[in-house]
């Protein structure tokens, strides 16, 4: 993934929507990375996917 947490969320949402990917593994032992992913990236990616699937 490249860029900001928002960019990550968009990249993940694109993978989910284009290829049906439904699981992602964050390869990091850093608590800050895990917190960022869990608190910002994953929820935003879910929102993006849901909004695309509803419309």
PDB file of N, CA and C in Angstrom:
ATOM      1  N   UNK A   1       0.828  -1.157   0.000  1.00  0.00           N
ATOM      2  CA  UNK A   1       0.000   0.000   0.000  1.00  0.00           C
ATOM      3  C   UNK A   1       0.888   1.240   0.000  1.00  0.00           C
ATOM      4  N   UNK A   2       0.405   2.249  -0.628  1.00  0.00           N
ATOM      5  CA  UNK A   2       1.149   3.500  -0.729  1.00  0.00           C
ATOM      6  C   UNK A   2       0.293   4.658  -0.248  1.00  0.00           C
ATOM      7  N   UNK A   3       0.924   5.667   0.342  1.00  0.00           N
ATOM      8  CA  UNK A   3       0.239   6.906   0.663  1.00  0.00           C
ATOM      9  C   UNK A   3      -0.290   6.976   2.075  1.00  0.00           C
ATOM     10  N   UNK A   4      -1.327   7.783   2.226  1.00  0.00           N
ATOM     11  CA  UNK A   4      -1.950   8.054   3.516  1.00  0.00           C
ATOM     12  C   UNK A   4      -2.897   6.922   3.901  1.00  0.00           C
ATOM     13  N   UNK A   5      -3.376   6.910   5.134  1.00  0.00           N
ATOM     14  CA  UNK A   5      -4.385   5.911   5.514  1.00  0.00           C
ATOM     15  C   UNK A   5      -5.621   5.960   4.610  1.00  0.00           C
ATOM     16  N   UNK A   6      -6.011   7.159   4.196  1.00  0.00           N
ATOM     17  CA  UNK A   6      -7.135   7.278   3.256  1.00  0.00           C
ATOM     18  C   UNK A   6      -6.823   6.633   1.922  1.00  0.00           C
ATOM     19  N   UNK A   7      -5.590   6.787   1.458  1.00  0.00           N
ATOM     20  CA  UNK A   7      -5.165   6.149   0.214  1.00  0.00           C
ATOM     21  C   UNK A   7      -5.200   4.624   0.352  1.00  0.00           C
ATOM     22  N   UNK A   8      -4.727   4.143   1.502  1.00  0.00           N
ATOM     23  CA  UNK A   8      -4.743   2.699   1.748  1.00  0.00           C
ATOM     24  C   UNK A   8      -6.176   2.184   1.670  1.00  0.00           C
ATOM     25  N   UNK A   9      -7.091   2.899   2.324  1.00  0.00           N
ATOM     26  CA  UNK A   9      -8.494   2.474   2.331  1.00  0.00           C
ATOM     27  C   UNK A   9      -9.043   2.414   0.906  1.00  0.00           C
ATOM     28  N   UNK A  10      -8.711   3.395   0.097  1.00  0.00           N
ATOM     29  CA  UNK A  10      -9.178   3.393  -1.294  1.00  0.00           C
ATOM     30  C   UNK A  10      -8.582   2.226  -2.073  1.00  0.00           C
ATOM     31  N   UNK A  11      -7.306   1.935  -1.859  1.00  0.00           N
ATOM     32  CA  UNK A  11      -6.661   0.829  -2.560  1.00  0.00           C
ATOM     33  C   UNK A  11      -7.280  -0.510  -2.143  1.00  0.00           C
ATOM     34  N   UNK A  12      -7.561  -0.662  -0.861  1.00  0.00           N
ATOM     35  CA  UNK A  12      -8.191  -1.887  -0.368  1.00  0.00           C
ATOM     36  C   UNK A  12      -9.602  -2.012  -0.917  1.00  0.00           C
ATOM     37  N   UNK A  13     -10.345  -0.913  -0.913  1.00  0.00           N
ATOM     38  CA  UNK A  13     -11.708  -0.940  -1.451  1.00  0.00           C
ATOM     39  C   UNK A  13     -11.692  -1.314  -2.930  1.00  0.00           C
ATOM     40  N   UNK A  14     -10.750  -0.791  -3.682  1.00  0.00           N
ATOM     41  CA  UNK A  14     -10.642  -1.137  -5.099  1.00  0.00           C
ATOM     42  C   UNK A  14     -10.397  -2.628  -5.289  1.00  0.00           C
ATOM     43  N   UNK A  15      -9.511  -3.209  -4.480  1.00  0.00           N
ATOM     44  CA  UNK A  15      -9.245  -4.648  -4.577  1.00  0.00           C
ATOM     45  C   UNK A  15     -10.498  -5.461  -4.253  1.00  0.00           C
ATOM     46  N   UNK A  16     -11.215  -5.022  -3.243  1.00  0.00           N
ATOM     47  CA  UNK A  16     -12.435  -5.726  -2.852  1.00  0.00           C
ATOM     48  C   UNK A  16     -13.488  -5.648  -3.946  1.00  0.00           C
ATOM     49  N   UNK A  17     -13.658  -4.483  -4.518  1.00  0.00           N
ATOM     50  CA  UNK A  17     -14.699  -4.296  -5.529  1.00  0.00           C
ATOM     51  C   UNK A  17     -14.334  -4.913  -6.883  1.00  0.00           C
ATOM     52  N   UNK A  18     -13.085  -4.798  -7.280  1.00  0.00           N
ATOM     53  CA  UNK A  18     -12.672  -5.300  -8.592  1.00  0.00           C
ATOM     54  C   UNK A  18     -12.425  -6.800  -8.608  1.00  0.00           C
ATOM     55  N   UNK A  19     -11.879  -7.336  -7.535  1.00  0.00           N
ATOM     56  CA  UNK A  19     -11.443  -8.726  -7.542  1.00  0.00           C
ATOM     57  C   UNK A  19     -12.117  -9.598  -6.494  1.00  0.00           C
ATOM     58  N   UNK A  20     -12.981  -9.014  -5.677  1.00  0.00           N
ATOM     59  CA  UNK A  20     -13.686  -9.792  -4.676  1.00  0.00           C
ATOM     60  C   UNK A  20     -12.842 -10.190  -3.482  1.00  0.00           C
ATOM     61  N   UNK A  21     -11.700  -9.533  -3.297  1.00  0.00           N
ATOM     62  CA  UNK A  21     -10.852  -9.829  -2.150  1.00  0.00           C
ATOM     63  C   UNK A  21     -11.609  -9.436  -0.887  1.00  0.00           C
ATOM     64  N   UNK A  22     -11.673 -10.342   0.069  1.00  0.00           N
ATOM     65  CA  UNK A  22     -12.437 -10.043   1.277  1.00  0.00           C
ATOM     66  C   UNK A  22     -11.611 -10.139   2.559  1.00  0.00           C
ATOM     67  N   UNK A  23     -10.349 -10.501   2.440  1.00  0.00           N
ATOM     68  CA  UNK A  23      -9.489 -10.597   3.608  1.00  0.00           C
ATOM     69  C   UNK A  23      -8.136  -9.981   3.315  1.00  0.00           C
ATOM     70  N   UNK A  24      -7.639  -9.236   4.264  1.00  0.00           N
ATOM     71  CA  UNK A  24      -6.357  -8.560   4.090  1.00  0.00           C
ATOM     72  C   UNK A  24      -5.503  -8.822   5.319  1.00  0.00           C
ATOM     73  N   UNK A  25      -4.230  -9.041   5.106  1.00  0.00           N
ATOM     74  CA  UNK A  25      -3.301  -9.306   6.200  1.00  0.00           C
ATOM     75  C   UNK A  25      -2.302  -8.163   6.272  1.00  0.00           C
ATOM     76  N   UNK A  26      -2.210  -7.562   7.418  1.00  0.00           N
ATOM     77  CA  UNK A  26      -1.229  -6.506   7.639  1.00  0.00           C
ATOM     78  C   UNK A  26       0.002  -7.149   8.262  1.00  0.00           C
ATOM     79  N   UNK A  27       1.088  -7.158   7.533  1.00  0.00           N
ATOM     80  CA  UNK A  27       2.317  -7.798   7.997  1.00  0.00           C
ATOM     81  C   UNK A  27       3.170  -6.788   8.761  1.00  0.00           C
ATOM     82  N   UNK A  28       2.831  -6.606  10.018  1.00  0.00           N
ATOM     83  CA  UNK A  28       3.572  -5.679  10.864  1.00  0.00           C
ATOM     84  C   UNK A  28       3.431  -6.105  12.316  1.00  0.00           C
ATOM     85  N   UNK A  29       4.485  -5.894  13.065  1.00  0.00           N
ATOM     86  CA  UNK A  29       4.450  -6.138  14.502  1.00  0.00           C
ATOM     87  C   UNK A  29       4.354  -4.827  15.280  1.00  0.00           C
ATOM     88  N   UNK A  30       4.281  -3.727  14.563  1.00  0.00           N
ATOM     89  CA  UNK A  30       4.257  -2.417  15.200  1.00  0.00           C
ATOM     90  C   UNK A  30       2.852  -2.094  15.699  1.00  0.00           C
ATOM     91  N   UNK A  31       2.694  -1.889  16.992  1.00  0.00           N
ATOM     92  CA  UNK A  31       1.375  -1.549  17.535  1.00  0.00           C
ATOM     93  C   UNK A  31       0.747  -0.329  16.860  1.00  0.00           C
ATOM     94  N   UNK A  32       1.558   0.665  16.530  1.00  0.00           N
ATOM     95  CA  UNK A  32       1.025   1.872  15.886  1.00  0.00           C
ATOM     96  C   UNK A  32       0.424   1.540  14.522  1.00  0.00           C
ATOM     97  N   UNK A  33       1.088   0.670  13.757  1.00  0.00           N
ATOM     98  CA  UNK A  33       0.557   0.257  12.447  1.00  0.00           C
ATOM     99  C   UNK A  33      -0.759  -0.499  12.603  1.00  0.00           C
ATOM    100  N   UNK A  34      -0.794  -1.399  13.564  1.00  0.00           N
ATOM    101  CA  UNK A  34      -2.008  -2.192  13.786  1.00  0.00           C
ATOM    102  C   UNK A  34      -3.170  -1.304  14.223  1.00  0.00           C
ATOM    103  N   UNK A  35      -2.888  -0.359  15.111  1.00  0.00           N
ATOM    104  CA  UNK A  35      -3.928   0.571  15.551  1.00  0.00           C
ATOM    105  C   UNK A  35      -4.423   1.439  14.413  1.00  0.00           C
ATOM    106  N   UNK A  36      -3.514   1.962  13.622  1.00  0.00           N
ATOM    107  CA  UNK A  36      -3.888   2.798  12.483  1.00  0.00           C
ATOM    108  C   UNK A  36      -4.766   2.026  11.506  1.00  0.00           C
ATOM    109  N   UNK A  37      -4.356   0.807  11.216  1.00  0.00           N
ATOM    110  CA  UNK A  37      -5.125  -0.012  10.285  1.00  0.00           C
ATOM    111  C   UNK A  37      -6.513  -0.313  10.843  1.00  0.00           C
ATOM    112  N   UNK A  38      -6.568  -0.696  12.104  1.00  0.00           N
ATOM    113  CA  UNK A  38      -7.843  -1.070  12.706  1.00  0.00           C
ATOM    114  C   UNK A  38      -8.779   0.090  12.975  1.00  0.00           C
ATOM    115  N   UNK A  39      -8.220   1.246  13.265  1.00  0.00           N
ATOM    116  CA  UNK A  39      -9.053   2.385  13.635  1.00  0.00           C
ATOM    117  C   UNK A  39      -9.385   3.308  12.471  1.00  0.00           C
ATOM    118  N   UNK A  40      -8.530   3.354  11.454  1.00  0.00           N
ATOM    119  CA  UNK A  40      -8.760   4.290  10.357  1.00  0.00           C
ATOM    120  C   UNK A  40      -8.929   3.607   9.002  1.00  0.00           C
ATOM    121  N   UNK A  41      -7.989   2.750   8.660  1.00  0.00           N
ATOM    122  CA  UNK A  41      -7.975   2.191   7.308  1.00  0.00           C
ATOM    123  C   UNK A  41      -9.128   1.217   7.083  1.00  0.00           C
ATOM    124  N   UNK A  42      -9.245   0.200   7.916  1.00  0.00           N
ATOM    125  CA  UNK A  42     -10.282  -0.818   7.707  1.00  0.00           C
ATOM    126  C   UNK A  42     -11.696  -0.247   7.753  1.00  0.00           C
ATOM    127  N   UNK A  43     -12.030   0.599   8.737  1.00  0.00           N
ATOM    128  CA  UNK A  43     -13.389   1.147   8.735  1.00  0.00           C
ATOM    129  C   UNK A  43     -13.696   1.982   7.490  1.00  0.00           C
ATOM    130  N   UNK A  44     -12.728   2.759   7.046  1.00  0.00           N
ATOM    131  CA  UNK A  44     -12.939   3.579   5.840  1.00  0.00           C
ATOM    132  C   UNK A  44     -13.084   2.699   4.609  1.00  0.00           C
ATOM    133  N   UNK A  45     -12.278   1.661   4.504  1.00  0.00           N
ATOM    134  CA  UNK A  45     -12.394   0.741   3.367  1.00  0.00           C
ATOM    135  C   UNK A  45     -13.773   0.092   3.353  1.00  0.00           C
ATOM    136  N   UNK A  46     -14.264  -0.323   4.521  1.00  0.00           N
ATOM    137  CA  UNK A  46     -15.612  -0.913   4.606  1.00  0.00           C
ATOM    138  C   UNK A  46     -16.668   0.074   4.130  1.00  0.00           C
ATOM    139  N   UNK A  47     -16.551   1.328   4.552  1.00  0.00           N
ATOM    140  CA  UNK A  47     -17.504   2.356   4.135  1.00  0.00           C
ATOM    141  C   UNK A  47     -17.496   2.533   2.623  1.00  0.00           C
ATOM    142  N   UNK A  48     -16.308   2.584   2.040  1.00  0.00           N
ATOM    143  CA  UNK A  48     -16.190   2.758   0.591  1.00  0.00           C
ATOM    144  C   UNK A  48     -16.800   1.591  -0.172  1.00  0.00           C
ATOM    145  N   UNK A  49     -16.531   0.379   0.278  1.00  0.00           N
ATOM    146  CA  UNK A  49     -17.082  -0.801  -0.387  1.00  0.00           C
ATOM    147  C   UNK A  49     -18.594  -0.813  -0.255  1.00  0.00           C
ATOM    148  N   UNK A  50     -19.080  -0.563   0.931  1.00  0.00           N
ATOM    149  CA  UNK A  50     -20.524  -0.582   1.144  1.00  0.00           C
ATOM    150  C   UNK A  50     -21.227   0.472   0.296  1.00  0.00           C
ATOM    151  N   UNK A  51     -20.668   1.666   0.213  1.00  0.00           N
ATOM    152  CA  UNK A  51     -21.319   2.723  -0.558  1.00  0.00           C
ATOM    153  C   UNK A  51     -21.350   2.376  -2.040  1.00  0.00           C
ATOM    154  N   UNK A  52     -20.334   1.699  -2.541  1.00  0.00           N
ATOM    155  CA  UNK A  52     -20.314   1.295  -3.958  1.00  0.00           C
ATOM    156  C   UNK A  52     -21.297   0.164  -4.237  1.00  0.00           C
ATOM    157  N   UNK A  53     -21.435  -0.740  -3.297  1.00  0.00           N
ATOM    158  CA  UNK A  53     -22.327  -1.883  -3.499  1.00  0.00           C
ATOM    159  C   UNK A  53     -23.799  -1.502  -3.364  1.00  0.00           C
ATOM    160  N   UNK A  54     -24.072  -0.453  -2.613  1.00  0.00           N
ATOM    161  CA  UNK A  54     -25.451  -0.006  -2.425  1.00  0.00           C
ATOM    162  C   UNK A  54     -25.952   0.730  -3.651  1.00  0.00           C
ATOM    163  N   UNK A  55     -25.080   1.501  -4.302  1.00  0.00           N
ATOM    164  CA  UNK A  55     -25.502   2.304  -5.451  1.00  0.00           C
ATOM    165  C   UNK A  55     -25.433   1.557  -6.737  1.00  0.00           C
TER     166      UNK A  55
END
